[in-house]
Amino acid sequence: MSDQSVMSPARERVYQMLRSGMSEREIDITLRRGRHKSESGDISQLISLAKDRIVFEDEGGPVRWQGPWPVSYVRSTGEAVYRVGAGHDVPASALKAWGFRYG
């Protein structure tokens, strides 16, 4: 099952709007038309989720999934621990288990 099949139609619409170059303000105005105030509170959340998806697709995820990465530190056993993203240090032995690819 693909991510597209489980995604809400509203989230997909916001994603397409962002990809087409619309600003957040334009999307907000477009989606608020015809809605009650109580129904429009989730628009900022939809925009945030769509922006996260774009970052994930364009940059390969919230961390860089494919190395090489800088060595953050070396354990006393001599095993290198890599800085794969901001605040994400992963030991060499766990890279594959966490879905990272080296090289």
N, C-alpha and C. Protein backbone atom coordinates (compact mmCIF):
# COMPACT_ATOMS: atom_id res chain seq x y z
N MET A 1 0.85 -1.17 0.00
CA MET A 1 0.00 0.00 0.00
C MET A 1 0.90 1.23 0.00
N SER A 2 0.66 2.15 -0.89
CA SER A 2 1.49 3.34 -0.98
C SER A 2 1.03 4.40 0.01
N ASP A 3 1.91 5.36 0.30
CA ASP A 3 1.56 6.46 1.19
C ASP A 3 0.41 7.28 0.61
N GLN A 4 0.33 7.35 -0.70
CA GLN A 4 -0.71 8.14 -1.35
C GLN A 4 -2.10 7.61 -1.05
N SER A 5 -2.23 6.30 -0.92
CA SER A 5 -3.55 5.71 -0.75
C SER A 5 -4.12 5.96 0.64
N VAL A 6 -3.27 6.20 1.63
CA VAL A 6 -3.75 6.42 2.99
C VAL A 6 -3.79 7.90 3.35
N MET A 7 -3.32 8.76 2.48
CA MET A 7 -3.28 10.19 2.76
C MET A 7 -4.65 10.81 2.53
N SER A 8 -4.99 11.75 3.40
CA SER A 8 -6.29 12.40 3.26
C SER A 8 -6.32 13.24 1.99
N PRO A 9 -7.49 13.36 1.38
CA PRO A 9 -7.60 14.19 0.18
C PRO A 9 -7.22 15.64 0.43
N ALA A 10 -7.54 16.17 1.62
CA ALA A 10 -7.19 17.56 1.93
C ALA A 10 -5.67 17.74 2.01
N ARG A 11 -4.98 16.78 2.63
CA ARG A 11 -3.53 16.88 2.73
C ARG A 11 -2.88 16.78 1.36
N GLU A 12 -3.41 15.90 0.53
CA GLU A 12 -2.87 15.75 -0.83
C GLU A 12 -3.09 17.03 -1.63
N ARG A 13 -4.25 17.64 -1.45
CA ARG A 13 -4.55 18.89 -2.17
C ARG A 13 -3.58 20.00 -1.75
N VAL A 14 -3.33 20.12 -0.45
CA VAL A 14 -2.39 21.14 0.04
C VAL A 14 -0.99 20.85 -0.49
N TYR A 15 -0.60 19.59 -0.50
CA TYR A 15 0.71 19.20 -1.04
C TYR A 15 0.84 19.64 -2.50
N GLN A 16 -0.20 19.36 -3.30
CA GLN A 16 -0.16 19.75 -4.71
C GLN A 16 -0.10 21.27 -4.87
N MET A 17 -0.81 21.99 -4.03
CA MET A 17 -0.78 23.45 -4.07
C MET A 17 0.62 23.99 -3.77
N LEU A 18 1.26 23.43 -2.74
CA LEU A 18 2.62 23.86 -2.41
C LEU A 18 3.58 23.54 -3.54
N ARG A 19 3.45 22.35 -4.10
CA ARG A 19 4.33 21.95 -5.21
C ARG A 19 4.13 22.82 -6.44
N SER A 20 2.92 23.35 -6.62
CA SER A 20 2.66 24.19 -7.79
C SER A 20 3.15 25.63 -7.59
N GLY A 21 3.63 25.94 -6.39
CA GLY A 21 4.21 27.25 -6.15
C GLY A 21 3.33 28.23 -5.38
N MET A 22 2.18 27.77 -4.91
CA MET A 22 1.32 28.66 -4.13
C MET A 22 1.95 28.94 -2.77
N SER A 23 1.75 30.16 -2.28
CA SER A 23 2.26 30.50 -0.95
C SER A 23 1.32 29.94 0.11
N GLU A 24 1.81 29.90 1.35
CA GLU A 24 0.99 29.41 2.45
C GLU A 24 -0.24 30.29 2.61
N ARG A 25 -0.07 31.58 2.44
CA ARG A 25 -1.19 32.53 2.57
C ARG A 25 -2.25 32.26 1.49
N GLU A 26 -1.81 32.02 0.26
CA GLU A 26 -2.75 31.73 -0.83
C GLU A 26 -3.52 30.43 -0.56
N ILE A 27 -2.82 29.44 -0.05
CA ILE A 27 -3.45 28.16 0.27
C ILE A 27 -4.47 28.36 1.38
N ASP A 28 -4.08 29.10 2.41
CA ASP A 28 -4.97 29.38 3.53
C ASP A 28 -6.26 30.05 3.05
N ILE A 29 -6.13 31.06 2.22
CA ILE A 29 -7.30 31.79 1.70
C ILE A 29 -8.17 30.86 0.85
N THR A 30 -7.55 30.07 -0.01
CA THR A 30 -8.29 29.16 -0.89
C THR A 30 -9.07 28.12 -0.09
N LEU A 31 -8.44 27.55 0.94
CA LEU A 31 -9.09 26.49 1.70
C LEU A 31 -10.15 27.02 2.66
N ARG A 32 -10.03 28.26 3.09
CA ARG A 32 -11.02 28.82 4.03
C ARG A 32 -12.33 29.19 3.34
N ARG A 33 -12.31 29.38 2.03
CA ARG A 33 -13.54 29.72 1.31
C ARG A 33 -14.60 28.64 1.51
N GLY A 34 -15.79 29.08 1.90
CA GLY A 34 -16.90 28.15 2.04
C GLY A 34 -16.88 27.31 3.30
N ARG A 35 -15.96 27.56 4.21
CA ARG A 35 -15.90 26.78 5.44
C ARG A 35 -16.31 27.65 6.63
N HIS A 36 -16.80 26.99 7.64
CA HIS A 36 -17.05 27.68 8.90
C HIS A 36 -15.73 27.86 9.62
N LYS A 37 -15.63 28.85 10.49
CA LYS A 37 -14.39 29.07 11.22
C LYS A 37 -13.95 27.83 11.99
N SER A 38 -14.89 27.11 12.56
CA SER A 38 -14.55 25.92 13.33
C SER A 38 -13.96 24.82 12.46
N GLU A 39 -14.23 24.82 11.17
CA GLU A 39 -13.72 23.78 10.26
C GLU A 39 -12.37 24.14 9.67
N SER A 40 -11.94 25.38 9.82
CA SER A 40 -10.72 25.80 9.14
C SER A 40 -9.50 25.81 10.05
N GLY A 41 -9.65 25.35 11.27
CA GLY A 41 -8.53 25.37 12.20
C GLY A 41 -7.40 24.43 11.84
N ASP A 42 -7.67 23.41 11.06
CA ASP A 42 -6.62 22.43 10.74
C ASP A 42 -5.82 22.79 9.49
N ILE A 43 -6.09 23.92 8.89
CA ILE A 43 -5.39 24.29 7.65
C ILE A 43 -3.90 24.48 7.89
N SER A 44 -3.52 25.13 8.99
CA SER A 44 -2.10 25.32 9.27
C SER A 44 -1.41 23.97 9.50
N GLN A 45 -2.12 23.03 10.12
CA GLN A 45 -1.56 21.69 10.32
C GLN A 45 -1.39 20.96 8.99
N LEU A 46 -2.36 21.09 8.10
CA LEU A 46 -2.25 20.47 6.77
C LEU A 46 -1.05 21.04 6.01
N ILE A 47 -0.86 22.34 6.10
CA ILE A 47 0.28 22.98 5.43
C ILE A 47 1.59 22.48 6.01
N SER A 48 1.65 22.40 7.33
CA SER A 48 2.86 21.91 7.99
C SER A 48 3.19 20.47 7.58
N LEU A 49 2.18 19.61 7.54
CA LEU A 49 2.41 18.22 7.14
C LEU A 49 2.86 18.12 5.68
N ALA A 50 2.27 18.94 4.82
CA ALA A 50 2.66 18.93 3.41
C ALA A 50 4.09 19.43 3.24
N LYS A 51 4.47 20.45 4.00
CA LYS A 51 5.84 20.97 3.93
C LYS A 51 6.84 19.92 4.42
N ASP A 52 6.49 19.18 5.48
CA ASP A 52 7.35 18.10 5.96
C ASP A 52 7.53 17.03 4.89
N ARG A 53 6.46 16.70 4.18
CA ARG A 53 6.55 15.71 3.12
C ARG A 53 7.48 16.18 2.01
N ILE A 54 7.39 17.46 1.65
CA ILE A 54 8.25 18.02 0.61
C ILE A 54 9.71 17.95 1.03
N VAL A 55 9.99 18.32 2.27
CA VAL A 55 11.36 18.24 2.77
C VAL A 55 11.85 16.80 2.72
N PHE A 56 11.00 15.88 3.15
CA PHE A 56 11.39 14.47 3.15
C PHE A 56 11.71 13.99 1.74
N GLU A 57 10.88 14.36 0.76
CA GLU A 57 11.10 13.92 -0.62
C GLU A 57 12.31 14.59 -1.24
N ASP A 58 12.49 15.89 -1.01
CA ASP A 58 13.56 16.64 -1.67
C ASP A 58 14.93 16.42 -1.04
N GLU A 59 14.97 16.21 0.26
CA GLU A 59 16.26 16.10 0.95
C GLU A 59 16.57 14.69 1.41
N GLY A 60 15.72 13.75 1.08
CA GLY A 60 16.01 12.36 1.42
C GLY A 60 15.65 11.99 2.84
N GLY A 61 14.83 12.74 3.48
CA GLY A 61 14.39 12.43 4.83
C GLY A 61 14.84 13.46 5.83
N PRO A 62 14.40 13.31 7.07
CA PRO A 62 14.76 14.27 8.10
C PRO A 62 16.24 14.21 8.44
N VAL A 63 16.87 13.11 8.12
CA VAL A 63 18.32 12.97 8.23
C VAL A 63 18.83 12.49 6.89
N ARG A 64 20.11 12.60 6.69
CA ARG A 64 20.67 12.14 5.41
C ARG A 64 20.81 10.63 5.46
N TRP A 65 20.03 9.94 4.63
CA TRP A 65 19.97 8.48 4.70
C TRP A 65 21.17 7.80 4.08
N GLN A 66 21.90 8.49 3.24
CA GLN A 66 23.05 7.86 2.61
C GLN A 66 24.31 8.65 2.93
N GLY A 67 25.34 7.95 3.38
CA GLY A 67 26.59 8.58 3.79
C GLY A 67 27.44 8.95 2.60
N PRO A 68 28.63 9.36 2.80
CA PRO A 68 29.34 9.31 4.09
C PRO A 68 28.94 10.46 5.01
N TRP A 69 29.04 10.21 6.30
CA TRP A 69 28.73 11.19 7.32
C TRP A 69 30.00 11.49 8.12
N PRO A 70 30.03 12.64 8.77
CA PRO A 70 31.18 12.92 9.63
C PRO A 70 31.13 12.04 10.89
N VAL A 71 32.29 11.70 11.40
CA VAL A 71 32.37 10.91 12.64
C VAL A 71 32.13 11.86 13.80
N SER A 72 31.14 11.55 14.61
CA SER A 72 30.81 12.37 15.77
C SER A 72 31.79 12.09 16.90
N TYR A 73 32.01 10.79 17.14
CA TYR A 73 32.99 10.38 18.14
C TYR A 73 33.30 8.91 17.91
N VAL A 74 34.30 8.41 18.59
CA VAL A 74 34.69 7.01 18.49
C VAL A 74 34.53 6.38 19.86
N ARG A 75 33.82 5.27 19.93
CA ARG A 75 33.62 4.56 21.20
C ARG A 75 34.93 3.96 21.69
N SER A 76 34.97 3.59 22.96
CA SER A 76 36.19 3.00 23.53
C SER A 76 36.56 1.69 22.84
N THR A 77 35.59 1.06 22.18
CA THR A 77 35.84 -0.19 21.45
C THR A 77 36.43 0.08 20.08
N GLY A 78 36.51 1.35 19.69
CA GLY A 78 37.03 1.72 18.39
C GLY A 78 35.96 1.88 17.32
N GLU A 79 34.71 1.63 17.67
CA GLU A 79 33.61 1.77 16.72
C GLU A 79 33.28 3.25 16.49
N ALA A 80 33.19 3.63 15.22
CA ALA A 80 32.86 5.01 14.88
C ALA A 80 31.36 5.24 15.06
N VAL A 81 31.02 6.42 15.56
CA VAL A 81 29.62 6.83 15.69
C VAL A 81 29.46 8.04 14.78
N TYR A 82 28.55 7.91 13.82
CA TYR A 82 28.40 8.92 12.77
C TYR A 82 27.30 9.92 13.10
N ARG A 83 27.53 11.18 12.73
CA ARG A 83 26.52 12.23 12.85
C ARG A 83 25.74 12.23 11.55
N VAL A 84 24.56 11.57 11.55
CA VAL A 84 23.78 11.43 10.33
C VAL A 84 22.79 12.57 10.13
N GLY A 85 22.62 13.39 11.11
CA GLY A 85 21.72 14.54 11.03
C GLY A 85 21.79 15.31 12.33
N ALA A 86 21.13 16.43 12.37
CA ALA A 86 21.16 17.26 13.57
C ALA A 86 20.64 16.48 14.77
N GLY A 87 21.52 16.22 15.73
CA GLY A 87 21.12 15.49 16.93
C GLY A 87 20.97 14.00 16.74
N HIS A 88 21.41 13.46 15.62
CA HIS A 88 21.25 12.05 15.33
C HIS A 88 22.63 11.41 15.16
N ASP A 89 23.08 10.72 16.18
CA ASP A 89 24.34 9.99 16.13
C ASP A 89 24.02 8.49 16.11
N VAL A 90 24.59 7.79 15.13
CA VAL A 90 24.31 6.37 14.96
C VAL A 90 25.63 5.61 14.87
N PRO A 91 25.81 4.56 15.71
CA PRO A 91 27.03 3.76 15.61
C PRO A 91 27.08 2.98 14.31
N ALA A 92 28.29 2.71 13.86
CA ALA A 92 28.48 2.02 12.58
C ALA A 92 27.74 0.69 12.54
N SER A 93 27.71 -0.03 13.65
CA SER A 93 27.05 -1.34 13.67
C SER A 93 25.54 -1.26 13.54
N ALA A 94 24.96 -0.09 13.78
CA ALA A 94 23.51 0.06 13.73
C ALA A 94 23.01 0.76 12.48
N LEU A 95 23.92 1.20 11.61
CA LEU A 95 23.49 1.94 10.43
C LEU A 95 22.49 1.17 9.58
N LYS A 96 22.80 -0.08 9.28
CA LYS A 96 21.93 -0.87 8.42
C LYS A 96 20.59 -1.15 9.10
N ALA A 97 20.62 -1.43 10.39
CA ALA A 97 19.39 -1.71 11.13
C ALA A 97 18.45 -0.52 11.13
N TRP A 98 19.00 0.68 11.13
CA TRP A 98 18.19 1.91 11.12
C TRP A 98 17.85 2.36 9.72
N GLY A 99 18.27 1.63 8.69
CA GLY A 99 17.90 1.95 7.32
C GLY A 99 18.86 2.88 6.61
N PHE A 100 20.03 3.13 7.18
CA PHE A 100 21.01 4.00 6.54
C PHE A 100 21.88 3.19 5.59
N ARG A 101 22.31 3.84 4.54
CA ARG A 101 23.20 3.21 3.56
C ARG A 101 24.52 3.97 3.55
N TYR A 102 25.60 3.25 3.61
CA TYR A 102 26.90 3.91 3.61
C TYR A 102 27.56 3.74 2.26
N GLY A 103 28.06 4.85 1.75
CA GLY A 103 28.82 4.78 0.51
C GLY A 103 28.12 5.29 -0.70
